[in-house]
Protein backbone atom coordinates (compact mmCIF):
# COMPACT_ATOMS: atom_id res chain seq x y z
CA UNK A 1 -14.03 -2.02 12.50
CA UNK A 2 -14.68 1.51 13.86
CA UNK A 3 -12.30 4.45 13.65
CA UNK A 4 -9.61 3.89 16.25
CA UNK A 5 -7.56 6.51 18.10
CA UNK A 6 -4.15 5.22 19.13
CA UNK A 7 -2.00 6.23 22.08
CA UNK A 8 1.59 7.36 21.40
CA UNK A 9 2.86 4.00 22.68
CA UNK A 10 0.56 2.13 20.31
CA UNK A 11 1.78 4.24 17.41
CA UNK A 12 5.36 3.42 18.37
CA UNK A 13 4.49 -0.27 18.18
CA UNK A 14 2.92 0.32 14.77
CA UNK A 15 6.18 1.99 13.76
CA UNK A 16 8.01 -1.21 14.72
CA UNK A 17 5.62 -3.17 12.50
CA UNK A 18 6.08 -0.60 9.74
CA UNK A 19 9.84 -1.00 9.79
CA UNK A 20 9.44 -4.77 9.40
CA UNK A 21 7.20 -4.08 6.41
CA UNK A 22 9.78 -1.69 4.90
CA UNK A 23 12.56 -4.24 5.27
CA UNK A 24 10.42 -7.02 3.85
CA UNK A 25 9.48 -4.98 0.80
CA UNK A 26 13.11 -4.05 0.19
CA UNK A 27 14.33 -7.62 0.44
CA UNK A 28 11.49 -9.04 -1.64
CA UNK A 29 12.18 -6.48 -4.36
CA UNK A 30 15.85 -7.49 -4.33
CA UNK A 31 14.75 -11.14 -4.71
CA UNK A 32 12.46 -10.33 -7.65
CA UNK A 33 14.78 -11.27 -10.48
CA UNK A 34 14.31 -12.96 -13.82
CA UNK A 35 13.67 -16.65 -13.20
CA UNK A 36 12.39 -16.31 -9.64
CA UNK A 37 8.89 -17.54 -8.85
CA UNK A 38 6.41 -15.47 -6.91
CA UNK A 39 6.37 -18.22 -4.25
CA UNK A 40 10.13 -17.78 -3.79
CA UNK A 41 9.65 -14.05 -3.38
CA UNK A 42 6.92 -14.66 -0.80
CA UNK A 43 9.33 -16.93 1.10
CA UNK A 44 11.68 -13.97 1.55
CA UNK A 45 8.85 -12.05 3.20
CA UNK A 46 8.18 -15.00 5.50
CA UNK A 47 11.83 -15.05 6.50
CA UNK A 48 11.81 -11.33 7.36
CA UNK A 49 8.75 -11.78 9.58
CA UNK A 50 10.38 -14.71 11.37
CA UNK A 51 13.63 -12.81 11.92
CA UNK A 52 11.75 -10.01 13.69
CA UNK A 53 9.31 -12.17 15.64
CA UNK A 54 6.45 -10.59 13.67
CA UNK A 55 3.40 -12.32 12.23
CA UNK A 56 1.56 -11.91 8.93
CA UNK A 57 -1.70 -10.04 8.59
CA UNK A 58 -2.09 -11.41 5.04
CA UNK A 59 -1.63 -15.15 5.61
CA UNK A 60 -5.04 -16.74 6.11
CA UNK A 61 -6.90 -13.46 5.59
CA UNK A 62 -10.44 -14.06 4.38
CA UNK A 63 -10.75 -17.53 5.92
CA UNK A 64 -14.18 -16.66 7.27
CA UNK A 65 -15.37 -16.26 3.69
CA UNK A 66 -13.96 -19.59 2.53
CA UNK A 67 -10.87 -18.46 0.59
CA UNK A 68 -7.96 -17.82 3.01
CA UNK A 69 -5.08 -15.96 1.40
CA UNK A 70 -2.15 -18.41 1.11
CA UNK A 71 0.81 -16.00 1.21
CA UNK A 72 2.35 -13.29 3.37
CA UNK A 73 2.53 -10.92 0.40
CA UNK A 74 0.31 -10.09 -2.55
CA UNK A 75 2.56 -10.32 -5.61
CA UNK A 76 0.85 -8.96 -8.72
CA UNK A 77 2.45 -9.05 -12.16
CA UNK A 78 1.59 -6.90 -15.21
CA UNK A 79 -2.21 -6.91 -15.65
CA UNK A 80 -2.64 -8.33 -12.15
CA UNK A 81 -3.36 -5.12 -10.30
CA UNK A 82 -3.71 -6.20 -6.66
CA UNK A 83 -4.05 -9.31 -4.47
CA UNK A 84 -1.89 -11.52 -6.69
CA UNK A 85 -1.47 -14.98 -5.12
CA UNK A 86 2.14 -16.22 -4.80
CA UNK A 87 2.77 -19.43 -6.68
CA UNK A 88 4.72 -20.95 -9.54
CA UNK A 89 4.58 -17.93 -11.84
CA UNK A 90 8.09 -17.16 -13.12
CA UNK A 91 9.29 -13.55 -13.31
CA UNK A 92 10.39 -12.52 -16.80
CA UNK A 93 12.42 -9.64 -18.15
CA UNK A 94 10.28 -6.50 -18.39
CA UNK A 95 7.61 -7.65 -15.92
CA UNK A 96 5.93 -4.93 -13.87
CA UNK A 97 5.62 -6.28 -10.33
CA UNK A 98 3.64 -4.91 -7.39
CA UNK A 99 4.30 -6.30 -3.91
CA UNK A 100 1.86 -5.60 -1.07
CA UNK A 101 3.12 -6.75 2.34
CA UNK A 102 2.11 -6.47 5.97
CA UNK A 103 3.32 -7.31 9.46
CA UNK A 104 1.92 -7.49 12.97
CA UNK A 105 4.01 -6.66 16.05
CA UNK A 106 2.43 -7.13 19.48
CA UNK A 107 -1.03 -6.94 17.94
CA UNK A 108 -0.45 -3.77 15.89
CA UNK A 109 -0.38 -3.72 12.09
CA UNK A 110 1.67 -2.22 9.27
CA UNK A 111 0.83 -2.38 5.54
CA UNK A 112 2.56 -1.01 2.42
CA UNK A 113 3.06 -1.71 -1.28
CA UNK A 114 5.62 -0.95 -3.96
CA UNK A 115 5.72 -1.33 -7.76
CA UNK A 116 8.79 -1.74 -9.98
CA UNK A 117 9.96 -3.26 -13.26
CA UNK A 118 12.33 -6.22 -13.49
CA UNK A 119 15.03 -5.88 -16.14
CA UNK A 120 14.41 -3.78 -19.24
CA UNK A 121 11.51 -1.42 -18.65
CA UNK A 122 9.02 0.23 -20.98
CA UNK A 123 8.96 4.01 -20.58
CA UNK A 124 5.18 4.03 -20.08
CA UNK A 125 5.48 1.54 -17.21
CA UNK A 126 8.11 3.64 -15.44
CA UNK A 127 6.02 6.77 -15.92
CA UNK A 128 2.90 5.09 -14.47
CA UNK A 129 4.85 3.77 -11.48
CA UNK A 130 6.22 7.27 -10.82
CA UNK A 131 2.77 8.87 -11.13
CA UNK A 132 1.27 6.30 -8.75
CA UNK A 133 4.01 6.92 -6.20
CA UNK A 134 3.67 10.69 -6.45
CA UNK A 135 -0.12 10.43 -6.16
CA UNK A 136 0.35 8.47 -2.94
CA UNK A 137 2.63 11.16 -1.53
CA UNK A 138 0.22 13.90 -2.61
CA UNK A 139 -2.51 12.12 -0.66
CA UNK A 140 -0.32 11.59 2.39
CA UNK A 141 0.79 15.23 2.47
CA UNK A 142 -2.86 16.35 2.39
CA UNK A 143 -3.66 14.56 5.68
CA UNK A 144 -3.74 16.67 8.85
CA UNK A 145 -5.35 16.85 12.26
CA UNK A 146 -8.79 18.41 11.82
CA UNK A 147 -8.88 17.68 8.11
CA UNK A 148 -11.04 15.15 6.32
CA UNK A 149 -10.51 11.87 4.55
CA UNK A 150 -11.80 13.65 1.46
CA UNK A 151 -8.74 15.92 1.53
CA UNK A 152 -6.56 12.85 0.94
CA UNK A 153 -8.86 11.49 -1.76
CA UNK A 154 -9.09 14.83 -3.54
CA UNK A 155 -5.29 15.26 -3.55
CA UNK A 156 -4.77 11.83 -5.10
CA UNK A 157 -7.46 12.38 -7.71
CA UNK A 158 -6.23 15.85 -8.65
CA UNK A 159 -2.65 14.70 -9.03
CA UNK A 160 -3.63 11.85 -11.34
CA UNK A 161 -5.93 14.03 -13.43
CA UNK A 162 -3.22 16.66 -13.93
CA UNK A 163 -1.05 14.19 -15.82
CA UNK A 164 -0.75 14.54 -19.61
CA UNK A 165 -1.67 10.87 -19.96
CA UNK A 166 -5.01 9.56 -18.77
CA UNK A 167 -4.82 6.68 -16.27
CA UNK A 168 -7.46 4.34 -14.94
CA UNK A 169 -7.78 4.72 -11.16
CA UNK A 170 -9.30 1.80 -9.29
CA UNK A 171 -12.54 2.72 -7.55
CA UNK A 172 -13.75 -0.43 -5.80
CA UNK A 173 -10.42 -0.87 -3.99
CA UNK A 174 -9.41 1.83 -1.51
CA UNK A 175 -7.08 2.76 1.29
CA UNK A 176 -8.25 2.16 4.84
CA UNK A 177 -7.85 2.76 8.51
CA UNK A 178 -5.33 0.50 10.23
CA UNK A 179 -4.21 -0.28 13.77
CA UNK A 180 -5.30 -3.21 15.93
CA UNK A 181 -6.68 -4.70 12.68
CA UNK A 182 -5.37 -4.39 9.14
CA UNK A 183 -8.62 -3.08 7.65
CA UNK A 184 -10.64 -0.61 9.72
CA UNK A 185 -12.73 2.49 9.23
CA UNK A 186 -12.41 4.87 7.55
CA UNK A 187 -12.24 3.89 3.89
CA UNK A 188 -9.76 6.14 2.06
CA UNK A 189 -10.91 6.32 -1.58
CA UNK A 190 -8.64 7.44 -4.39
CA UNK A 191 -11.36 9.70 -5.76
CA UNK A 192 -13.24 12.37 -3.81
CA UNK A 193 -16.62 11.29 -2.49
CA UNK A 194 -19.09 13.67 -0.86
CA UNK A 195 -20.14 11.06 1.72
CA UNK A 196 -18.91 9.66 4.00
CA UNK A 197 -16.08 12.06 4.75
CA UNK A 198 -14.78 11.37 8.28
CA UNK A 199 -12.64 13.79 10.24
CA UNK A 200 -8.92 13.08 10.70
CA UNK A 201 -7.64 13.36 14.26
CA UNK A 202 -4.42 12.91 16.22
CA UNK A 203 -3.91 9.22 16.95
CA UNK A 204 -5.48 7.99 13.73
CA UNK A 205 -3.55 5.85 11.25
CA UNK A 206 -4.53 5.28 7.64
CA UNK A 207 -3.17 3.34 4.70
CA UNK A 208 -3.00 5.53 1.58
CA UNK A 209 -2.83 3.44 -1.61
CA UNK A 210 -3.55 4.64 -5.14
CA UNK A 211 -3.80 1.94 -7.82
CA UNK A 212 -3.51 3.04 -11.45
CA UNK A 213 -3.67 1.32 -14.83
CA UNK A 214 -2.55 2.23 -18.33
CA UNK A 215 -6.10 1.59 -19.49
CA UNK A 216 -9.52 1.72 -17.84
CA UNK A 217 -10.37 1.21 -14.19
CA UNK A 218 -12.65 -1.82 -14.60
CA UNK A 219 -11.42 -5.08 -13.07
CA UNK A 220 -12.13 -8.81 -12.96
CA UNK A 221 -11.27 -11.37 -10.27
CA UNK A 222 -9.59 -14.68 -11.10
CA UNK A 223 -10.97 -18.08 -10.14
CA UNK A 224 -8.63 -18.10 -7.13
CA UNK A 225 -11.04 -15.49 -5.67
CA UNK A 226 -8.15 -13.12 -4.97
CA UNK A 227 -6.14 -11.97 -8.00
CA UNK A 228 -7.60 -8.74 -9.41
CA UNK A 229 -6.83 -8.05 -13.07
CA UNK A 230 -7.58 -5.16 -15.37
CA UNK A 231 -10.55 -6.03 -17.55
CA UNK A 232 -8.83 -4.65 -20.64
CA UNK A 233 -5.53 -6.46 -19.98
CA UNK A 234 -3.52 -3.29 -19.36
CA UNK A 235 -0.77 -3.14 -16.78
CA UNK A 236 -1.13 -1.42 -13.42
CA UNK A 237 0.86 -0.04 -10.49
CA UNK A 238 0.20 0.13 -6.74
CA UNK A 239 1.88 2.20 -4.03
CA UNK A 240 0.90 2.25 -0.36
CA UNK A 241 2.13 3.52 3.00
CA UNK A 242 0.77 3.45 6.54
CA UNK A 243 0.57 6.99 7.95
CA UNK A 244 -0.06 8.18 11.51
CA UNK A 245 -1.31 11.62 12.53
CA UNK A 246 0.51 12.90 15.60
CA UNK A 247 0.40 16.14 17.56
CA UNK A 248 3.52 17.19 15.64
CA UNK A 249 2.36 16.25 12.13
CA UNK A 250 2.60 13.13 9.97
CA UNK A 251 4.63 10.00 10.60
CA UNK A 252 4.90 7.55 7.71
CA UNK A 253 5.31 4.33 9.64
CA UNK A 254 6.35 2.15 6.69
CA UNK A 255 9.16 4.39 5.40
CA UNK A 256 12.65 3.98 6.87
CA UNK A 257 12.99 7.76 7.38
CA UNK A 258 9.42 8.12 8.58
CA UNK A 259 8.58 10.08 5.45
CA UNK A 260 10.73 13.05 6.42
CA UNK A 261 12.25 13.70 2.98
CA UNK A 262 9.01 13.51 1.00
CA UNK A 263 6.89 15.37 3.54
CA UNK A 264 9.41 18.17 3.92
CA UNK A 265 9.64 18.56 0.14
CA UNK A 266 5.87 19.09 0.07
CA UNK A 267 5.74 21.50 2.98
CA UNK A 268 3.90 19.03 5.21
CA UNK A 269 4.71 18.72 8.90
CA UNK A 270 6.89 15.74 9.78
CA UNK A 271 5.80 14.47 13.17
CA UNK A 272 7.66 11.43 14.50
CA UNK A 273 7.27 10.36 18.11
CA UNK A 274 10.33 9.91 20.28
CA UNK A 275 11.24 6.59 21.83
């Protein structure tokens, strides 16, 4: 889908979808306890959508290619990096879980992801989760009207490379434009690419989503045609937010506070729309 410029009213509707996503992620994380199955966690996301009269942009995705996604959330555990299919897998103490969730309100989409550890955590897992989250915010803060997608990509890449530990950063999976569809132009890579490098303008919305591993960046896809694992079996983390560019600055549609705290801390303009 082409790059789409939204009106203020359309961005406000995307904010409504983003708040559903934020609530769903919070409640699914609370439900991710030792002994729960990933299907049970997915059911919590379904309940949140129903409560708000929202629909899922994940459920049935990919049907035109013969493998419709069966859940409303991607729930990836340990070496499952992204697109984990909810099912009978049981959460165990120490599991690193990534939940990617979306919602549609009146035809407009929101999309975000969070990673966390259940129970007793390994220090290296917590560090990777923190680095992934901070890389996401570095990328978000680099977006601005008149800038380029490459500014976001470069900020993510530079933050990751400045870490004392080397991480694998997924290359074939990227952020993306979002609006009237979940996946639209432009692609938002997590490494700088010379081309293409589209301009960022007021009214655009993008999903910024670094995905890191403790090992190398190479991946394999399971027989379910969805679950993406690290080829070397190392664990990974995934953080994502939907971000709008307004005349006032940046509005993180999938954060309860609109991103005010994190953007202000980084000296980036916080630009929510009224109403």
